[in-house]
Every structure is written in structure tokens, then in C-alpha cells.
N, C-alpha and C. Protein backbone atom coordinates (compact mmCIF):
# COMPACT_ATOMS: atom_id res chain seq x y z
N MET A 1 0.81 -1.19 0.00
CA MET A 1 0.00 0.00 0.00
C MET A 1 0.87 1.26 0.00
N LYS A 2 1.90 1.27 0.82
CA LYS A 2 2.80 2.42 0.86
C LYS A 2 3.50 2.59 -0.49
N PHE A 3 3.83 1.47 -1.10
CA PHE A 3 4.48 1.52 -2.40
C PHE A 3 3.57 2.17 -3.44
N LEU A 4 2.29 1.82 -3.43
CA LEU A 4 1.33 2.39 -4.36
C LEU A 4 1.14 3.88 -4.11
N LEU A 5 1.11 4.28 -2.85
CA LEU A 5 0.98 5.70 -2.49
C LEU A 5 2.21 6.48 -2.94
N LEU A 6 3.39 5.91 -2.79
CA LEU A 6 4.63 6.55 -3.22
C LEU A 6 4.64 6.75 -4.75
N ILE A 7 4.16 5.77 -5.48
CA ILE A 7 4.10 5.88 -6.94
C ILE A 7 3.12 6.98 -7.35
N LEU A 8 1.96 7.05 -6.71
CA LEU A 8 0.98 8.09 -7.03
C LEU A 8 1.51 9.48 -6.74
N ILE A 9 2.22 9.64 -5.63
CA ILE A 9 2.80 10.94 -5.28
C ILE A 9 3.87 11.33 -6.28
N SER A 10 4.70 10.40 -6.69
CA SER A 10 5.77 10.72 -7.65
C SER A 10 5.18 11.11 -9.00
N PHE A 11 4.10 10.45 -9.45
CA PHE A 11 3.45 10.82 -10.69
C PHE A 11 2.82 12.21 -10.61
N SER A 12 2.23 12.53 -9.49
CA SER A 12 1.60 13.84 -9.35
C SER A 12 2.65 14.95 -9.35
N VAL A 13 3.80 14.71 -8.76
CA VAL A 13 4.88 15.70 -8.76
C VAL A 13 5.43 15.85 -10.17
N GLN A 14 5.59 14.76 -10.90
CA GLN A 14 6.11 14.82 -12.25
C GLN A 14 5.13 15.51 -13.20
N ALA A 15 3.85 15.34 -12.98
CA ALA A 15 2.86 15.95 -13.85
C ALA A 15 2.85 17.47 -13.69
N GLN A 16 3.19 17.96 -12.51
CA GLN A 16 3.18 19.39 -12.27
C GLN A 16 4.43 20.07 -12.81
N THR A 17 5.49 19.36 -13.00
CA THR A 17 6.73 19.93 -13.48
C THR A 17 6.68 19.99 -15.01
N ALA A 18 6.70 21.19 -15.53
CA ALA A 18 6.68 21.37 -16.98
C ALA A 18 7.77 22.35 -17.36
N ILE A 19 8.44 22.05 -18.43
CA ILE A 19 9.49 22.92 -18.92
C ILE A 19 8.94 23.66 -20.13
N LYS A 20 9.03 24.96 -20.09
CA LYS A 20 8.61 25.77 -21.22
C LYS A 20 9.85 26.29 -21.94
N ILE A 21 9.87 26.10 -23.22
CA ILE A 21 11.00 26.54 -24.03
C ILE A 21 10.51 27.63 -24.97
N LYS A 22 11.15 28.77 -24.88
CA LYS A 22 10.81 29.87 -25.78
C LYS A 22 11.71 29.79 -27.00
N ARG A 23 11.09 29.68 -28.14
CA ARG A 23 11.86 29.55 -29.38
C ARG A 23 11.93 30.90 -30.07
N GLU A 24 13.13 31.36 -30.33
CA GLU A 24 13.33 32.61 -31.05
C GLU A 24 14.11 32.34 -32.31
N ASP A 25 13.71 32.99 -33.36
CA ASP A 25 14.40 32.86 -34.62
C ASP A 25 15.23 34.12 -34.82
N ASN A 26 16.53 34.04 -34.57
CA ASN A 26 17.40 35.20 -34.67
C ASN A 26 18.16 35.25 -35.99
N ARG A 27 17.68 34.52 -36.97
CA ARG A 27 18.35 34.54 -38.27
C ARG A 27 17.81 35.68 -39.12
N PHE A 28 18.68 36.26 -39.89
CA PHE A 28 18.24 37.24 -40.87
C PHE A 28 18.86 36.86 -42.21
N LEU A 29 18.21 37.30 -43.26
CA LEU A 29 18.67 36.98 -44.61
C LEU A 29 19.00 38.27 -45.35
N PHE A 30 20.12 38.27 -46.02
CA PHE A 30 20.52 39.38 -46.88
C PHE A 30 21.37 38.81 -47.99
N PHE A 31 20.83 38.77 -49.19
CA PHE A 31 21.61 38.29 -50.33
C PHE A 31 21.02 38.85 -51.62
N GLN A 32 21.85 38.84 -52.66
CA GLN A 32 21.44 39.34 -53.97
C GLN A 32 20.46 38.37 -54.62
N THR A 33 19.47 38.94 -55.29
CA THR A 33 18.59 38.11 -56.09
C THR A 33 19.14 38.10 -57.51
N GLY A 34 18.86 37.08 -58.25
CA GLY A 34 19.35 37.01 -59.63
C GLY A 34 20.85 36.75 -59.67
N ILE A 35 21.57 37.54 -60.45
CA ILE A 35 23.01 37.38 -60.64
C ILE A 35 23.74 37.80 -59.37
N LYS A 36 24.52 36.90 -58.81
CA LYS A 36 25.31 37.20 -57.60
C LYS A 36 26.67 37.71 -58.05
N ASN A 37 27.02 38.93 -57.59
CA ASN A 37 28.24 39.55 -58.04
C ASN A 37 28.66 40.59 -57.02
N ASP A 38 29.95 40.85 -56.91
CA ASP A 38 30.44 41.91 -56.03
C ASP A 38 30.37 43.28 -56.70
N THR A 39 29.99 43.31 -57.97
CA THR A 39 29.84 44.57 -58.69
C THR A 39 28.35 44.87 -58.82
N ILE A 40 27.96 46.06 -58.38
CA ILE A 40 26.56 46.47 -58.44
C ILE A 40 26.31 47.16 -59.78
N VAL A 41 25.45 46.55 -60.60
CA VAL A 41 25.08 47.09 -61.89
C VAL A 41 23.58 47.33 -61.86
N LYS A 42 23.17 48.54 -62.22
CA LYS A 42 21.75 48.92 -62.17
C LYS A 42 20.90 47.94 -62.97
N ASN A 43 19.82 47.50 -62.35
CA ASN A 43 18.83 46.58 -62.93
C ASN A 43 19.38 45.19 -63.25
N ARG A 44 20.59 44.87 -62.80
CA ARG A 44 21.14 43.53 -63.03
C ARG A 44 21.53 42.86 -61.73
N SER A 45 22.31 43.54 -60.92
CA SER A 45 22.79 42.94 -59.68
C SER A 45 22.59 43.88 -58.49
N ASP A 46 21.58 44.73 -58.56
CA ASP A 46 21.38 45.71 -57.50
C ASP A 46 20.21 45.37 -56.56
N ARG A 47 19.55 44.24 -56.77
CA ARG A 47 18.41 43.87 -55.93
C ARG A 47 18.83 42.84 -54.88
N PHE A 48 18.36 43.09 -53.65
CA PHE A 48 18.72 42.23 -52.53
C PHE A 48 17.46 41.81 -51.77
N LEU A 49 17.49 40.59 -51.28
CA LEU A 49 16.45 40.11 -50.39
C LEU A 49 16.90 40.40 -48.97
N LEU A 50 16.06 41.06 -48.20
CA LEU A 50 16.37 41.39 -46.81
C LEU A 50 15.19 41.00 -45.95
N ILE A 51 15.41 40.02 -45.09
CA ILE A 51 14.39 39.58 -44.15
C ILE A 51 14.96 39.66 -42.75
N LEU A 52 14.31 40.49 -41.92
CA LEU A 52 14.71 40.65 -40.52
C LEU A 52 13.60 40.08 -39.65
N PRO A 53 13.90 39.11 -38.78
CA PRO A 53 12.85 38.60 -37.89
C PRO A 53 12.45 39.66 -36.87
N ASP A 54 11.24 39.54 -36.36
CA ASP A 54 10.73 40.51 -35.39
C ASP A 54 11.62 40.62 -34.16
N SER A 55 12.22 39.51 -33.75
CA SER A 55 13.08 39.53 -32.56
C SER A 55 14.34 40.37 -32.77
N LEU A 56 14.76 40.55 -34.02
CA LEU A 56 15.97 41.33 -34.30
C LEU A 56 15.71 42.69 -34.93
N SER A 57 14.56 42.86 -35.55
CA SER A 57 14.35 44.07 -36.35
C SER A 57 14.43 45.35 -35.53
N GLN A 58 14.10 45.31 -34.26
CA GLN A 58 14.18 46.51 -33.42
C GLN A 58 15.63 46.85 -33.04
N HIS A 59 16.55 45.88 -33.21
CA HIS A 59 17.92 46.07 -32.72
C HIS A 59 18.97 46.04 -33.83
N ILE A 60 18.55 46.06 -35.07
CA ILE A 60 19.54 46.03 -36.16
C ILE A 60 19.52 47.36 -36.90
N ARG A 61 20.71 47.90 -37.11
CA ARG A 61 20.87 49.09 -37.94
C ARG A 61 21.79 48.71 -39.08
N ILE A 62 21.42 49.14 -40.27
CA ILE A 62 22.21 48.84 -41.46
C ILE A 62 22.91 50.13 -41.87
N ASN A 63 24.23 50.13 -41.82
CA ASN A 63 25.03 51.29 -42.21
C ASN A 63 25.57 51.07 -43.62
N VAL A 64 25.40 52.07 -44.47
CA VAL A 64 25.84 51.96 -45.86
C VAL A 64 26.62 53.20 -46.23
N LYS A 65 27.81 53.00 -46.83
CA LYS A 65 28.62 54.12 -47.34
C LYS A 65 28.63 54.06 -48.85
N ASN A 66 28.47 55.22 -49.50
CA ASN A 66 28.48 55.39 -50.94
C ASN A 66 27.28 54.72 -51.63
N ALA A 67 26.23 54.45 -50.89
CA ALA A 67 25.00 53.88 -51.45
C ALA A 67 23.90 53.96 -50.41
N MET A 68 22.69 53.62 -50.83
CA MET A 68 21.56 53.53 -49.90
C MET A 68 20.65 52.40 -50.34
N LEU A 69 19.93 51.83 -49.39
CA LEU A 69 18.94 50.81 -49.68
C LEU A 69 17.60 51.49 -49.93
N ILE A 70 16.95 51.11 -51.02
CA ILE A 70 15.65 51.68 -51.37
C ILE A 70 14.64 50.55 -51.39
N SER A 71 13.54 50.75 -50.68
CA SER A 71 12.50 49.72 -50.66
C SER A 71 11.75 49.69 -51.98
N THR A 72 11.23 48.53 -52.32
CA THR A 72 10.47 48.34 -53.55
C THR A 72 9.03 48.00 -53.18
N THR A 73 8.24 47.61 -54.17
CA THR A 73 6.85 47.24 -53.89
C THR A 73 6.76 45.97 -53.06
N SER A 74 7.76 45.12 -53.14
CA SER A 74 7.82 43.94 -52.28
C SER A 74 8.45 44.35 -50.95
N ASP A 75 7.90 43.88 -49.85
CA ASP A 75 8.39 44.32 -48.54
C ASP A 75 9.74 43.72 -48.16
N SER A 76 10.24 42.74 -48.90
CA SER A 76 11.52 42.14 -48.55
C SER A 76 12.59 42.31 -49.64
N ILE A 77 12.27 42.96 -50.74
CA ILE A 77 13.25 43.21 -51.81
C ILE A 77 13.66 44.68 -51.76
N PHE A 78 14.96 44.92 -51.76
CA PHE A 78 15.51 46.27 -51.71
C PHE A 78 16.51 46.45 -52.82
N VAL A 79 16.63 47.69 -53.29
CA VAL A 79 17.61 48.03 -54.32
C VAL A 79 18.76 48.76 -53.63
N LEU A 80 19.98 48.33 -53.92
CA LEU A 80 21.17 49.01 -53.40
C LEU A 80 21.59 50.02 -54.46
N ARG A 81 21.28 51.28 -54.22
CA ARG A 81 21.51 52.35 -55.19
C ARG A 81 22.78 53.11 -54.85
N PRO A 82 23.78 53.15 -55.74
CA PRO A 82 25.00 53.91 -55.46
C PRO A 82 24.73 55.41 -55.30
N VAL A 83 25.27 55.98 -54.24
CA VAL A 83 25.21 57.43 -53.98
C VAL A 83 26.61 57.81 -53.48
N PRO A 84 27.55 58.08 -54.40
CA PRO A 84 28.93 58.37 -53.99
C PRO A 84 29.01 59.58 -53.06
N GLY A 85 29.77 59.41 -52.00
CA GLY A 85 30.03 60.51 -51.07
C GLY A 85 29.03 60.67 -49.95
N MET A 86 28.08 59.73 -49.80
CA MET A 86 27.09 59.85 -48.73
C MET A 86 27.01 58.56 -47.92
N LYS A 87 26.73 58.76 -46.61
CA LYS A 87 26.51 57.64 -45.69
C LYS A 87 25.04 57.64 -45.28
N TYR A 88 24.45 56.46 -45.20
CA TYR A 88 23.07 56.31 -44.77
C TYR A 88 22.99 55.21 -43.72
N SER A 89 22.00 55.32 -42.84
CA SER A 89 21.69 54.23 -41.94
C SER A 89 20.23 53.87 -42.13
N HIS A 90 19.96 52.60 -42.01
CA HIS A 90 18.61 52.09 -42.22
C HIS A 90 18.23 51.24 -41.01
N SER A 91 16.98 51.33 -40.62
CA SER A 91 16.47 50.50 -39.54
C SER A 91 15.01 50.20 -39.81
N LYS A 92 14.53 49.14 -39.19
CA LYS A 92 13.14 48.75 -39.38
C LYS A 92 12.45 48.74 -38.03
N HIS A 93 11.43 49.55 -37.90
CA HIS A 93 10.62 49.60 -36.68
C HIS A 93 9.20 49.22 -37.06
N ASP A 94 8.73 48.12 -36.50
CA ASP A 94 7.43 47.55 -36.86
C ASP A 94 7.42 47.28 -38.36
N THR A 95 6.61 47.95 -39.12
CA THR A 95 6.56 47.71 -40.57
C THR A 95 7.19 48.85 -41.36
N ILE A 96 7.77 49.83 -40.66
CA ILE A 96 8.33 51.01 -41.31
C ILE A 96 9.84 50.84 -41.48
N PHE A 97 10.31 51.01 -42.72
CA PHE A 97 11.73 50.96 -43.01
C PHE A 97 12.24 52.40 -43.06
N GLU A 98 13.05 52.79 -42.08
CA GLU A 98 13.52 54.17 -41.97
C GLU A 98 14.91 54.32 -42.58
N THR A 99 15.11 55.43 -43.27
CA THR A 99 16.40 55.77 -43.85
C THR A 99 16.83 57.12 -43.30
N LEU A 100 18.01 57.17 -42.72
CA LEU A 100 18.55 58.42 -42.19
C LEU A 100 19.84 58.78 -42.91
N VAL A 101 20.01 60.05 -43.21
CA VAL A 101 21.26 60.53 -43.81
C VAL A 101 22.25 60.73 -42.67
N GLU A 102 23.37 60.03 -42.72
CA GLU A 102 24.39 60.13 -41.69
C GLU A 102 25.43 61.20 -42.03
N GLY A 103 25.50 61.61 -43.28
CA GLY A 103 26.44 62.66 -43.66
C GLY A 103 27.35 62.23 -44.79
N PRO A 104 28.34 63.06 -45.06
CA PRO A 104 29.24 62.75 -46.18
C PRO A 104 30.30 61.73 -45.78
N CYS A 105 30.85 61.10 -46.80
CA CYS A 105 31.99 60.21 -46.64
C CYS A 105 32.87 60.38 -47.87
N HIS A 106 34.00 59.73 -47.89
CA HIS A 106 34.91 59.81 -49.02
C HIS A 106 34.21 59.20 -50.24
N ALA A 107 34.02 59.98 -51.29
CA ALA A 107 33.35 59.49 -52.51
C ALA A 107 34.20 58.42 -53.18
N SER A 108 33.59 57.30 -53.44
CA SER A 108 34.31 56.17 -54.00
C SER A 108 33.33 55.27 -54.73
N SER A 109 33.85 54.40 -55.56
CA SER A 109 33.00 53.39 -56.19
C SER A 109 32.84 52.16 -55.29
N GLU A 110 33.50 52.16 -54.14
CA GLU A 110 33.37 51.06 -53.18
C GLU A 110 32.16 51.33 -52.27
N ILE A 111 31.28 50.36 -52.20
CA ILE A 111 30.10 50.45 -51.34
C ILE A 111 30.33 49.54 -50.14
N TRP A 112 30.23 50.10 -48.95
CA TRP A 112 30.38 49.33 -47.72
C TRP A 112 29.02 49.20 -47.07
N ILE A 113 28.69 47.99 -46.63
CA ILE A 113 27.44 47.77 -45.93
C ILE A 113 27.73 46.91 -44.70
N GLU A 114 27.13 47.29 -43.57
CA GLU A 114 27.31 46.50 -42.36
C GLU A 114 25.99 46.45 -41.58
N PHE A 115 25.76 45.30 -40.97
CA PHE A 115 24.60 45.09 -40.12
C PHE A 115 25.08 45.10 -38.68
N LEU A 116 24.57 46.04 -37.91
CA LEU A 116 25.02 46.28 -36.55
C LEU A 116 23.89 45.99 -35.57
N ASN A 117 24.17 45.18 -34.54
CA ASN A 117 23.22 44.98 -33.46
C ASN A 117 23.39 46.15 -32.49
N THR A 118 22.37 46.98 -32.36
CA THR A 118 22.49 48.19 -31.54
C THR A 118 22.48 47.88 -30.04
N LYS A 119 22.06 46.68 -29.67
CA LYS A 119 22.06 46.30 -28.24
C LYS A 119 23.48 46.10 -27.72
N ASN A 120 24.26 45.32 -28.45
CA ASN A 120 25.61 44.99 -27.97
C ASN A 120 26.72 45.51 -28.88
N ARG A 121 26.37 46.34 -29.89
CA ARG A 121 27.34 46.94 -30.82
C ARG A 121 28.14 45.88 -31.60
N HIS A 122 27.56 44.71 -31.78
CA HIS A 122 28.19 43.61 -32.51
C HIS A 122 27.82 43.71 -33.99
N ILE A 123 28.82 43.58 -34.88
CA ILE A 123 28.57 43.60 -36.32
C ILE A 123 28.27 42.17 -36.77
N PHE A 124 27.04 41.97 -37.28
CA PHE A 124 26.62 40.66 -37.77
C PHE A 124 27.27 40.33 -39.11
N LEU A 125 27.22 41.31 -40.00
CA LEU A 125 27.67 41.09 -41.37
C LEU A 125 28.26 42.37 -41.91
N GLN A 126 29.34 42.24 -42.65
CA GLN A 126 29.98 43.40 -43.28
C GLN A 126 30.43 42.95 -44.66
N ASN A 127 30.15 43.79 -45.66
CA ASN A 127 30.53 43.41 -47.03
C ASN A 127 30.87 44.63 -47.84
N LYS A 128 31.64 44.42 -48.90
CA LYS A 128 32.04 45.51 -49.78
C LYS A 128 31.63 45.13 -51.21
N PHE A 129 31.06 46.11 -51.91
CA PHE A 129 30.68 45.94 -53.32
C PHE A 129 31.33 47.06 -54.12
N LEU A 130 31.41 46.87 -55.42
CA LEU A 130 31.90 47.91 -56.32
C LEU A 130 30.73 48.38 -57.18
N ALA A 131 30.60 49.69 -57.32
CA ALA A 131 29.53 50.26 -58.14
C ALA A 131 30.04 50.47 -59.55
N LYS A 132 29.22 50.16 -60.50
CA LYS A 132 29.60 50.33 -61.91
C LYS A 132 28.68 51.32 -62.56
């Protein structure tokens, strides 16, 4: 009888113990659509897919030198448009993609882009392209 009571108590304790796991998707996507190339050519290799998960979108800033990202009719396709001599920063808050002018930089055909986590100042991704 004691053995049966011990088993019932152990099952009731185990039933109350539950582990909850919060799943977060911290991946983001940024890559060229169509022809993949380090040279940005208008209407050929200037379109990029950019997907930021909700868990990261509030904390990512995209810094671009000598170019800017321009949103298109699709919410995840952006055009990387060369703008020599200017720096821009981009961020996404809720559904709004904000573009801020950061000021001048050394005019060059080299386009620098970096994804920065504003929480810990960690650079996720950094890349260089050439504008043609």
C-alpha cells in the first residue's frame, strides 16, 4: 500500500513539473537576387532580399557608405543604389523601413554595408561591393 501511495505521489509531482521553451528565430537573410556579383550594376545585380525577424528588427541598424537601400513594392526586396560621397543608416521599426542621412563620406565606387546589433554593438555582417 505504501508503495502504491509513493508511486501516485511521484506521478503527481512529475505531472506538475513542466518545462517551457521559448523559441526565437534570430536569423536574418541578406543576399542578392538574380546574378550574384560583387559589382553592383543597375537593374542587373542591385536587388537584394532582406528579411529581418521581429526579434531582431528593433535592434539592427544597417550602415551603408556610398550607397543607400531603397524599398520596392515587395516588402523584402531592396535596391542598393550607389550614392557616392554619402553615408546612410537604415532600420526597421514595426513595418516602417527608416532611412537616415548620416552625412558625407569619401566618394568612391566602393560600397560598404554593415549590419550592426544596436544592443551589444556587434557587427553581424559586413561586405564591400563595387559600383559600376
